[in-house]
């Protein structure tokens, strides 16, 4: 799951423009997570990544869905309860 978000790493670390391959990866992640179990697995993966981010990086990663025009059934957050994702 993390591989979908690797193209977003530079943006999350440094800001600037969101690369198109980052948006493509985020879209791919959403498309790959078809079942509730898949979405919960993706959520847990993203939660573990979010736990290691600074506040600035967390703010940038939280903007990705809007900047990429992608709807996620959860937020990037270190405190999200992924068991509640449907």
C-alpha atoms as a PDB file:
ATOM      1  CA  UNK A   1       0.000   0.000   0.000  1.00  0.00           C
ATOM      2  CA  UNK A   2       2.822   2.407   0.791  1.00  0.00           C
ATOM      3  CA  UNK A   3       4.099   2.102  -2.763  1.00  0.00           C
ATOM      4  CA  UNK A   4       1.044   4.008  -3.994  1.00  0.00           C
ATOM      5  CA  UNK A   5       2.098   7.017  -1.930  1.00  0.00           C
ATOM      6  CA  UNK A   6       5.845   6.972  -2.611  1.00  0.00           C
ATOM      7  CA  UNK A   7       5.495   9.570  -5.404  1.00  0.00           C
ATOM      8  CA  UNK A   8       4.030  11.930  -2.783  1.00  0.00           C
ATOM      9  CA  UNK A   9       7.050  11.781  -0.483  1.00  0.00           C
ATOM     10  CA  UNK A  10       8.866  14.872  -1.791  1.00  0.00           C
ATOM     11  CA  UNK A  11       5.695  16.950  -1.623  1.00  0.00           C
ATOM     12  CA  UNK A  12       4.965  15.802   1.941  1.00  0.00           C
ATOM     13  CA  UNK A  13       8.524  16.573   3.037  1.00  0.00           C
ATOM     14  CA  UNK A  14       9.065  19.861   1.212  1.00  0.00           C
ATOM     15  CA  UNK A  15       5.764  21.228  -0.100  1.00  0.00           C
ATOM     16  CA  UNK A  16       5.511  22.875  -3.496  1.00  0.00           C
ATOM     17  CA  UNK A  17       3.473  21.445  -6.342  1.00  0.00           C
ATOM     18  CA  UNK A  18       1.837  18.057  -5.990  1.00  0.00           C
ATOM     19  CA  UNK A  19       3.319  15.756  -8.662  1.00  0.00           C
ATOM     20  CA  UNK A  20       0.826  14.166 -11.041  1.00  0.00           C
ATOM     21  CA  UNK A  21       2.211  10.713 -10.241  1.00  0.00           C
ATOM     22  CA  UNK A  22       1.384  11.386  -6.573  1.00  0.00           C
ATOM     23  CA  UNK A  23      -2.249  12.002  -7.512  1.00  0.00           C
ATOM     24  CA  UNK A  24      -2.124   8.923  -9.716  1.00  0.00           C
ATOM     25  CA  UNK A  25      -0.845   6.880  -6.795  1.00  0.00           C
ATOM     26  CA  UNK A  26      -3.549   8.193  -4.485  1.00  0.00           C
ATOM     27  CA  UNK A  27      -6.178   7.374  -7.096  1.00  0.00           C
ATOM     28  CA  UNK A  28      -4.652   3.914  -7.518  1.00  0.00           C
ATOM     29  CA  UNK A  29      -4.819   3.343  -3.774  1.00  0.00           C
ATOM     30  CA  UNK A  30      -8.497   4.279  -3.659  1.00  0.00           C
ATOM     31  CA  UNK A  31      -9.256   2.054  -6.650  1.00  0.00           C
ATOM     32  CA  UNK A  32      -7.345  -0.870  -5.134  1.00  0.00           C
ATOM     33  CA  UNK A  33      -9.206  -0.637  -1.822  1.00  0.00           C
ATOM     34  CA  UNK A  34     -12.514  -2.109  -2.982  1.00  0.00           C
ATOM     35  CA  UNK A  35     -13.626  -3.943   0.157  1.00  0.00           C
ATOM     36  CA  UNK A  36     -13.992  -2.809   3.760  1.00  0.00           C
ATOM     37  CA  UNK A  37     -11.008  -4.967   4.719  1.00  0.00           C
ATOM     38  CA  UNK A  38      -8.933  -3.365   1.934  1.00  0.00           C
ATOM     39  CA  UNK A  39      -9.923   0.142   3.053  1.00  0.00           C
ATOM     40  CA  UNK A  40      -9.083  -0.681   6.669  1.00  0.00           C
ATOM     41  CA  UNK A  41      -5.699  -2.070   5.615  1.00  0.00           C
ATOM     42  CA  UNK A  42      -4.999   1.090   3.612  1.00  0.00           C
ATOM     43  CA  UNK A  43      -6.120   3.208   6.559  1.00  0.00           C
ATOM     44  CA  UNK A  44      -3.796   1.343   8.940  1.00  0.00           C
ATOM     45  CA  UNK A  45      -0.906   1.737   6.520  1.00  0.00           C
ATOM     46  CA  UNK A  46      -1.527   5.469   6.174  1.00  0.00           C
ATOM     47  CA  UNK A  47      -2.033   5.822   9.922  1.00  0.00           C
ATOM     48  CA  UNK A  48       1.376   4.254  10.583  1.00  0.00           C
ATOM     49  CA  UNK A  49       2.949   6.633   8.065  1.00  0.00           C
ATOM     50  CA  UNK A  50       1.185   9.642   9.624  1.00  0.00           C
ATOM     51  CA  UNK A  51       2.564   8.757  13.064  1.00  0.00           C
ATOM     52  CA  UNK A  52       6.075   9.548  11.825  1.00  0.00           C
ATOM     53  CA  UNK A  53       5.301  12.923  10.258  1.00  0.00           C
ATOM     54  CA  UNK A  54       6.006  16.377  11.624  1.00  0.00           C
ATOM     55  CA  UNK A  55       3.052  18.754  11.973  1.00  0.00           C
ATOM     56  CA  UNK A  56       3.999  20.507   8.711  1.00  0.00           C
ATOM     57  CA  UNK A  57       4.251  17.188   6.872  1.00  0.00           C
ATOM     58  CA  UNK A  58       0.952  16.025   8.345  1.00  0.00           C
ATOM     59  CA  UNK A  59      -0.717  19.243   7.207  1.00  0.00           C
ATOM     60  CA  UNK A  60       0.613  18.716   3.672  1.00  0.00           C
ATOM     61  CA  UNK A  61      -0.453  15.061   3.471  1.00  0.00           C
ATOM     62  CA  UNK A  62      -3.931  15.990   4.693  1.00  0.00           C
ATOM     63  CA  UNK A  63      -4.307  18.342   1.696  1.00  0.00           C
ATOM     64  CA  UNK A  64      -3.519  15.633  -0.873  1.00  0.00           C
ATOM     65  CA  UNK A  65      -7.067  14.310  -1.419  1.00  0.00           C
ATOM     66  CA  UNK A  66      -8.402  17.812  -2.163  1.00  0.00           C
ATOM     67  CA  UNK A  67      -5.436  18.788  -4.316  1.00  0.00           C
ATOM     68  CA  UNK A  68      -5.739  15.542  -6.274  1.00  0.00           C
ATOM     69  CA  UNK A  69      -9.541  15.565  -6.489  1.00  0.00           C
ATOM     70  CA  UNK A  70      -9.736  12.201  -4.711  1.00  0.00           C
ATOM     71  CA  UNK A  71     -12.267  11.283  -2.047  1.00  0.00           C
ATOM     72  CA  UNK A  72     -11.013   9.112   0.796  1.00  0.00           C
ATOM     73  CA  UNK A  73     -13.350   7.435   3.292  1.00  0.00           C
ATOM     74  CA  UNK A  74     -11.020   8.609   6.102  1.00  0.00           C
ATOM     75  CA  UNK A  75      -8.438  11.288   6.877  1.00  0.00           C
ATOM     76  CA  UNK A  76      -4.686  10.924   7.066  1.00  0.00           C
ATOM     77  CA  UNK A  77      -4.267  11.045  10.820  1.00  0.00           C
ATOM     78  CA  UNK A  78      -2.181   9.295  13.444  1.00  0.00           C
ATOM     79  CA  UNK A  79      -5.255   9.129  15.696  1.00  0.00           C
ATOM     80  CA  UNK A  80      -7.826   7.670  13.274  1.00  0.00           C
ATOM     81  CA  UNK A  81      -9.643   4.524  14.359  1.00  0.00           C
ATOM     82  CA  UNK A  82      -9.335   2.419  11.225  1.00  0.00           C
ATOM     83  CA  UNK A  83     -11.754  -0.174  12.605  1.00  0.00           C
ATOM     84  CA  UNK A  84     -14.496   2.401  11.973  1.00  0.00           C
ATOM     85  CA  UNK A  85     -13.707   2.676   8.234  1.00  0.00           C
ATOM     86  CA  UNK A  86     -16.343   1.002   6.097  1.00  0.00           C
END
